[in-house]
């Protein structure tokens, strides 16, 4: 784009960290949008369908003291797209000492691309009124020089969306699998289930401390309540099995690219059994090396005692009329 911006020489006092730049391109339908979305989750700054002729100016603008890596997406729909010109620009940029530039090309077999287009009923940008296969062939011929030039190539022909997300994370996270954000919470079924929990465990099979007058005003965070729950013959085996299941699942969630996992424990009012279990599980997961957030949704709810007291021991599955009225009221 006219005269290239003058190179700013690095002084001895200037930082030596190179700006990391990734160019993401490839066949339409091969997964560019998914790749950019994952890179954004990994902390990259994302620019999509940026005019390629302004590439150098964009990179220079990103050099103003911001170490955030930059991913720039473009494809055959991008204004002014010319593979030969892109290659020439990239050749010049790779000679610079202030940036680390990589080109990623996402490819996919023509038959699979055609299947994807037919499934989504989208029209190929280069097909006009012709069959999708015609547009795919034209695009493949157009992109052939860029495909040969790219530093990295990922063929998504046999990939699911999760497969591609995992491949991008493995290639560009820089530190192996991402840290998994874990939330452990307690809640009362009487106030409704948490809407976004991934794993929900119902602890109402345990003896209820509410029926002990001395324990009733206390919570699952108090030692006497915990001692009471531990005396239930079902506690040890149930907690051990739930803990082992969670410890088995969390690494698999992380390997699949899941960023957040919410584990919720429920009891009737959200005051005793669920709170104690959540506290114990959070401690066990921390000992296993997980960093997590612990929440008690209904611990401060004034309705907890009323809801616990409205149900008789051994009959917690029956919902009294008063509880039905509370559920039908609009949420606070």
Protein backbone atom coordinates (compact mmCIF):
# COMPACT_ATOMS: atom_id res chain seq x y z
CA UNK A 1 0.00 0.00 0.00
CA UNK A 2 2.29 2.75 -1.26
CA UNK A 3 5.49 3.34 0.64
CA UNK A 4 5.99 0.94 3.52
CA UNK A 5 6.24 2.52 6.98
CA UNK A 6 9.79 3.21 8.02
CA UNK A 7 11.27 0.61 10.33
CA UNK A 8 11.83 1.87 13.85
CA UNK A 9 15.27 0.76 15.03
CA UNK A 10 15.34 -0.85 18.44
CA UNK A 11 17.35 0.97 21.07
CA UNK A 12 19.20 -0.78 23.85
CA UNK A 13 16.47 0.30 26.26
CA UNK A 14 13.55 -0.98 24.16
CA UNK A 15 11.97 -4.36 24.89
CA UNK A 16 13.28 -7.23 22.80
CA UNK A 17 10.05 -9.25 22.82
CA UNK A 18 8.86 -9.86 19.28
CA UNK A 19 5.23 -9.29 18.36
CA UNK A 20 3.62 -12.65 17.62
CA UNK A 21 1.43 -12.51 14.50
CA UNK A 22 -0.57 -15.38 13.02
CA UNK A 23 -2.21 -15.18 9.60
CA UNK A 24 -5.18 -17.57 9.40
CA UNK A 25 -6.57 -18.44 5.98
CA UNK A 26 -7.74 -21.40 3.94
CA UNK A 27 -10.72 -22.88 2.17
CA UNK A 28 -14.14 -21.49 2.96
CA UNK A 29 -15.87 -23.94 5.28
CA UNK A 30 -12.62 -25.46 6.55
CA UNK A 31 -12.94 -23.90 10.02
CA UNK A 32 -11.39 -20.41 10.02
CA UNK A 33 -14.11 -18.94 12.23
CA UNK A 34 -13.77 -21.76 14.76
CA UNK A 35 -9.98 -21.40 14.80
CA UNK A 36 -10.17 -17.65 15.42
CA UNK A 37 -12.73 -18.12 18.19
CA UNK A 38 -10.41 -20.55 20.00
CA UNK A 39 -7.45 -18.23 19.57
CA UNK A 40 -9.52 -15.44 21.12
CA UNK A 41 -10.27 -17.72 24.09
CA UNK A 42 -6.51 -18.27 24.39
CA UNK A 43 -5.94 -14.54 24.76
CA UNK A 44 -5.09 -13.54 21.19
CA UNK A 45 -6.35 -10.31 19.69
CA UNK A 46 -8.50 -11.24 16.69
CA UNK A 47 -9.13 -9.38 13.42
CA UNK A 48 -11.15 -11.15 10.73
CA UNK A 49 -11.60 -10.33 7.04
CA UNK A 50 -9.14 -7.47 7.31
CA UNK A 51 -8.10 -5.94 3.94
CA UNK A 52 -4.84 -7.70 3.13
CA UNK A 53 -3.35 -4.60 1.51
CA UNK A 54 -3.38 -2.96 4.98
CA UNK A 55 -1.61 -5.90 6.62
CA UNK A 56 1.66 -4.15 7.42
CA UNK A 57 -0.07 -1.07 8.79
CA UNK A 58 -2.19 -3.32 11.03
CA UNK A 59 0.88 -5.09 12.40
CA UNK A 60 2.70 -1.82 13.01
CA UNK A 61 -0.29 -0.52 14.94
CA UNK A 62 -0.23 -3.62 17.15
CA UNK A 63 3.43 -3.00 18.04
CA UNK A 64 2.70 -0.03 20.31
CA UNK A 65 3.85 -1.68 23.50
CA UNK A 66 1.09 -4.31 23.60
CA UNK A 67 2.50 -7.86 23.89
CA UNK A 68 -0.86 -9.49 23.09
CA UNK A 69 -0.41 -11.91 20.16
CA UNK A 70 -2.36 -10.95 17.04
CA UNK A 71 -4.30 -13.32 14.75
CA UNK A 72 -5.51 -11.94 11.41
CA UNK A 73 -8.04 -13.93 9.41
CA UNK A 74 -8.68 -13.55 5.69
CA UNK A 75 -9.94 -15.70 2.83
CA UNK A 76 -11.07 -15.51 -0.79
CA UNK A 77 -13.97 -13.22 0.19
CA UNK A 78 -11.67 -10.58 1.69
CA UNK A 79 -11.53 -7.34 -0.23
CA UNK A 80 -8.47 -7.11 -2.49
CA UNK A 81 -7.54 -10.74 -1.91
CA UNK A 82 -4.65 -11.81 -4.14
CA UNK A 83 -2.61 -14.85 -2.99
CA UNK A 84 0.53 -13.81 -4.88
CA UNK A 85 0.44 -10.35 -3.35
CA UNK A 86 -0.16 -11.83 0.10
CA UNK A 87 2.88 -14.08 -0.30
CA UNK A 88 5.06 -11.16 -1.34
CA UNK A 89 3.89 -9.15 1.66
CA UNK A 90 4.55 -12.07 4.00
CA UNK A 91 8.04 -12.56 2.56
CA UNK A 92 8.84 -8.96 3.39
CA UNK A 93 7.36 -9.18 6.88
CA UNK A 94 9.30 -12.33 7.77
CA UNK A 95 12.54 -10.35 7.33
CA UNK A 96 11.59 -8.03 10.18
CA UNK A 97 13.25 -8.60 13.55
CA UNK A 98 10.45 -7.07 15.62
CA UNK A 99 7.73 -9.59 14.73
CA UNK A 100 7.34 -13.36 14.67
CA UNK A 101 4.97 -14.14 11.81
CA UNK A 102 3.37 -17.51 11.04
CA UNK A 103 0.83 -18.45 8.37
CA UNK A 104 -1.80 -21.12 9.09
CA UNK A 105 -3.74 -22.65 6.21
CA UNK A 106 -6.92 -24.62 6.94
CA UNK A 107 -7.71 -27.16 4.24
CA UNK A 108 -10.49 -29.68 3.73
CA UNK A 109 -11.31 -32.30 1.11
CA UNK A 110 -13.61 -31.00 -1.62
CA UNK A 111 -16.21 -33.71 -1.03
CA UNK A 112 -16.44 -32.86 2.67
CA UNK A 113 -16.67 -29.14 1.91
CA UNK A 114 -19.52 -29.81 -0.51
CA UNK A 115 -21.29 -31.87 2.14
CA UNK A 116 -20.94 -29.04 4.66
CA UNK A 117 -22.32 -26.50 2.20
CA UNK A 118 -25.27 -28.72 1.35
CA UNK A 119 -25.94 -29.30 5.03
CA UNK A 120 -25.99 -25.60 5.88
CA UNK A 121 -27.60 -24.58 2.55
CA UNK A 122 -25.08 -21.79 2.16
CA UNK A 123 -24.00 -20.54 -1.26
CA UNK A 124 -20.31 -20.63 -2.09
CA UNK A 125 -18.86 -17.14 -2.62
CA UNK A 126 -17.18 -18.15 -5.89
CA UNK A 127 -20.00 -20.27 -7.28
CA UNK A 128 -22.59 -17.57 -8.08
CA UNK A 129 -25.43 -19.54 -9.72
CA UNK A 130 -23.19 -22.54 -10.43
CA UNK A 131 -23.03 -25.72 -8.32
CA UNK A 132 -21.08 -25.60 -5.05
CA UNK A 133 -18.47 -27.95 -6.50
CA UNK A 134 -17.63 -25.36 -9.16
CA UNK A 135 -16.91 -22.70 -6.54
CA UNK A 136 -14.81 -25.11 -4.49
CA UNK A 137 -12.66 -25.99 -7.52
CA UNK A 138 -12.17 -22.32 -8.39
CA UNK A 139 -11.23 -21.48 -4.83
CA UNK A 140 -8.78 -24.37 -4.57
CA UNK A 141 -6.99 -23.23 -7.75
CA UNK A 142 -6.91 -19.64 -6.44
CA UNK A 143 -5.46 -20.61 -3.06
CA UNK A 144 -2.94 -23.20 -4.28
CA UNK A 145 0.09 -20.84 -4.08
CA UNK A 146 -0.84 -19.72 -0.57
CA UNK A 147 -1.36 -23.31 0.57
CA UNK A 148 2.13 -24.23 -0.63
CA UNK A 149 3.63 -21.20 1.11
CA UNK A 150 1.94 -21.57 4.52
CA UNK A 151 4.06 -22.52 7.52
CA UNK A 152 1.36 -24.69 9.05
CA UNK A 153 -1.43 -26.69 7.45
CA UNK A 154 -4.34 -28.34 9.24
CA UNK A 155 -6.61 -30.62 7.21
CA UNK A 156 -10.06 -30.64 8.81
CA UNK A 157 -11.63 -33.21 6.49
CA UNK A 158 -12.15 -35.74 9.28
CA UNK A 159 -12.43 -33.21 12.12
CA UNK A 160 -15.41 -32.40 14.25
CA UNK A 161 -15.59 -28.87 15.61
CA UNK A 162 -14.19 -30.17 18.91
CA UNK A 163 -11.29 -31.84 17.09
CA UNK A 164 -10.32 -28.55 15.44
CA UNK A 165 -10.64 -26.64 18.71
CA UNK A 166 -8.34 -29.13 20.41
CA UNK A 167 -5.80 -28.95 17.56
CA UNK A 168 -5.67 -25.16 17.73
CA UNK A 169 -5.27 -25.20 21.51
CA UNK A 170 -2.48 -27.76 21.33
CA UNK A 171 -0.66 -25.77 18.64
CA UNK A 172 -1.05 -22.23 19.97
CA UNK A 173 -1.75 -22.26 23.70
CA UNK A 174 1.97 -22.25 24.37
CA UNK A 175 1.61 -24.10 27.67
CA UNK A 176 -0.17 -27.36 26.97
CA UNK A 177 -3.81 -27.85 27.95
CA UNK A 178 -5.59 -24.74 29.18
CA UNK A 179 -6.29 -24.18 32.82
CA UNK A 180 -9.78 -25.41 33.59
CA UNK A 181 -12.01 -22.99 35.49
CA UNK A 182 -13.88 -25.07 38.07
CA UNK A 183 -16.80 -23.89 40.18
CA UNK A 184 -18.19 -25.96 43.06
CA UNK A 185 -21.51 -24.79 44.49
CA UNK A 186 -24.31 -25.73 46.85
CA UNK A 187 -27.98 -24.98 46.30
CA UNK A 188 -31.48 -25.82 47.54
CA UNK A 189 -33.81 -27.73 45.24
CA UNK A 190 -36.65 -25.78 46.83
CA UNK A 191 -35.38 -22.64 45.07
CA UNK A 192 -34.81 -24.34 41.73
CA UNK A 193 -31.84 -26.03 40.14
CA UNK A 194 -28.84 -23.98 38.95
CA UNK A 195 -29.39 -23.28 35.24
CA UNK A 196 -25.81 -23.71 34.03
CA UNK A 197 -24.41 -26.55 36.12
CA UNK A 198 -22.55 -29.28 34.23
CA UNK A 199 -22.71 -31.90 36.99
CA UNK A 200 -25.50 -31.94 39.60
CA UNK A 201 -25.54 -34.29 42.62
CA UNK A 202 -28.62 -34.67 44.83
CA UNK A 203 -27.54 -35.10 48.48
CA UNK A 204 -31.05 -35.48 49.90
CA UNK A 205 -30.42 -39.19 50.54
CA UNK A 206 -28.32 -38.20 53.57
CA UNK A 207 -29.77 -37.74 57.06
CA UNK A 208 -30.99 -34.17 57.48
CA UNK A 209 -29.37 -32.14 60.33
CA UNK A 210 -32.42 -29.88 60.32
CA UNK A 211 -34.24 -32.36 62.56
CA UNK A 212 -31.71 -31.88 65.36
CA UNK A 213 -32.83 -28.72 67.26
CA UNK A 214 -29.24 -27.85 68.16
CA UNK A 215 -28.01 -28.16 64.56
CA UNK A 216 -30.97 -26.48 62.87
CA UNK A 217 -29.66 -22.88 63.16
CA UNK A 218 -26.17 -23.93 62.05
CA UNK A 219 -24.96 -24.58 58.49
CA UNK A 220 -22.86 -27.11 56.63
CA UNK A 221 -19.83 -24.95 57.34
CA UNK A 222 -20.10 -25.62 61.08
CA UNK A 223 -18.20 -28.59 62.54
CA UNK A 224 -21.13 -30.14 64.47
CA UNK A 225 -23.22 -30.32 61.27
CA UNK A 226 -20.32 -31.95 59.44
CA UNK A 227 -19.89 -34.52 62.21
CA UNK A 228 -23.60 -35.31 62.06
CA UNK A 229 -23.52 -35.87 58.28
CA UNK A 230 -20.39 -38.02 58.51
CA UNK A 231 -22.21 -40.44 60.83
CA UNK A 232 -24.65 -41.31 58.04
CA UNK A 233 -23.64 -44.82 56.85
CA UNK A 234 -23.96 -43.70 53.22
CA UNK A 235 -21.65 -40.70 53.50
CA UNK A 236 -18.17 -42.21 53.13
CA UNK A 237 -18.90 -44.44 50.14
CA UNK A 238 -21.06 -41.86 48.35
CA UNK A 239 -18.56 -39.05 48.76
CA UNK A 240 -15.64 -41.24 47.66
CA UNK A 241 -17.45 -42.40 44.52
CA UNK A 242 -18.55 -38.88 43.57
CA UNK A 243 -15.05 -37.51 44.19
CA UNK A 244 -13.41 -40.22 42.08
CA UNK A 245 -15.91 -39.65 39.26
CA UNK A 246 -15.21 -35.91 39.24
CA UNK A 247 -11.43 -36.45 39.32
CA UNK A 248 -11.79 -38.76 36.33
CA UNK A 249 -13.99 -36.35 34.37
CA UNK A 250 -12.18 -33.03 34.87
CA UNK A 251 -9.03 -33.94 32.89
CA UNK A 252 -11.21 -35.27 30.09
CA UNK A 253 -13.25 -32.06 29.99
CA UNK A 254 -10.00 -30.11 29.76
CA UNK A 255 -8.67 -32.37 26.97
CA UNK A 256 -11.87 -31.73 25.00
CA UNK A 257 -11.26 -27.98 25.19
CA UNK A 258 -13.92 -27.21 27.79
CA UNK A 259 -12.97 -24.01 29.61
CA UNK A 260 -15.52 -24.02 32.47
CA UNK A 261 -17.01 -26.79 34.61
CA UNK A 262 -19.67 -26.13 37.26
CA UNK A 263 -20.26 -28.90 39.82
CA UNK A 264 -23.34 -28.38 41.98
CA UNK A 265 -24.54 -30.19 45.10
CA UNK A 266 -28.16 -29.85 46.15
CA UNK A 267 -30.27 -30.56 49.21
CA UNK A 268 -33.71 -29.33 50.22
CA UNK A 269 -32.95 -25.84 51.47
CA UNK A 270 -29.30 -25.43 50.52
CA UNK A 271 -28.16 -24.97 54.12
CA UNK A 272 -26.74 -28.20 55.57
CA UNK A 273 -26.00 -31.29 53.46
CA UNK A 274 -25.25 -29.58 50.14
CA UNK A 275 -23.06 -26.95 51.84
CA UNK A 276 -21.03 -29.54 53.74
CA UNK A 277 -20.58 -31.71 50.66
CA UNK A 278 -19.52 -28.76 48.51
CA UNK A 279 -16.98 -27.70 51.16
CA UNK A 280 -15.53 -31.19 51.37
CA UNK A 281 -15.42 -31.62 47.60
CA UNK A 282 -13.73 -28.26 47.10
CA UNK A 283 -11.05 -29.28 49.61
CA UNK A 284 -10.52 -32.62 47.86
CA UNK A 285 -10.20 -31.01 44.44
CA UNK A 286 -7.75 -28.42 45.75
CA UNK A 287 -5.63 -31.22 47.20
CA UNK A 288 -5.69 -32.81 43.74
CA UNK A 289 -4.23 -29.63 42.25
CA UNK A 290 -7.33 -27.88 40.89
CA UNK A 291 -7.91 -24.17 41.37
CA UNK A 292 -11.59 -23.46 41.91
CA UNK A 293 -14.32 -21.12 43.09
CA UNK A 294 -16.67 -22.20 45.89
CA UNK A 295 -20.19 -20.74 46.03
CA UNK A 296 -23.17 -21.33 48.35
CA UNK A 297 -26.20 -20.05 46.49
CA UNK A 298 -28.90 -20.31 49.16
CA UNK A 299 -26.91 -20.21 52.38
CA UNK A 300 -28.22 -16.76 53.28
CA UNK A 301 -31.80 -17.42 52.21
CA UNK A 302 -34.43 -16.72 54.89
CA UNK A 303 -36.66 -19.37 53.32
CA UNK A 304 -34.23 -22.23 53.99
CA UNK A 305 -35.51 -23.07 57.48
CA UNK A 306 -39.15 -22.79 56.42
CA UNK A 307 -38.61 -25.08 53.45
CA UNK A 308 -36.70 -27.66 55.45
CA UNK A 309 -39.30 -27.54 58.24
CA UNK A 310 -42.21 -27.87 55.84
CA UNK A 311 -41.19 -31.42 55.01
CA UNK A 312 -41.28 -34.39 57.33
CA UNK A 313 -38.33 -36.66 57.90
CA UNK A 314 -38.34 -39.51 55.38
CA UNK A 315 -40.79 -37.75 53.07
CA UNK A 316 -38.56 -35.19 51.28
CA UNK A 317 -39.82 -36.13 47.88
CA UNK A 318 -43.30 -34.71 48.55
CA UNK A 319 -43.77 -31.00 47.86
CA UNK A 320 -46.27 -29.26 50.21
CA UNK A 321 -48.75 -26.71 48.94
CA UNK A 322 -46.83 -23.83 50.56
CA UNK A 323 -43.72 -24.78 48.61
CA UNK A 324 -45.69 -24.89 45.37
CA UNK A 325 -46.84 -21.31 46.01
CA UNK A 326 -43.28 -20.14 46.55
CA UNK A 327 -42.17 -21.74 43.31
CA UNK A 328 -44.96 -20.06 41.36
CA UNK A 329 -44.02 -16.60 42.62
CA UNK A 330 -41.80 -14.50 40.34
CA UNK A 331 -38.08 -14.63 41.23
CA UNK A 332 -36.71 -11.84 43.36
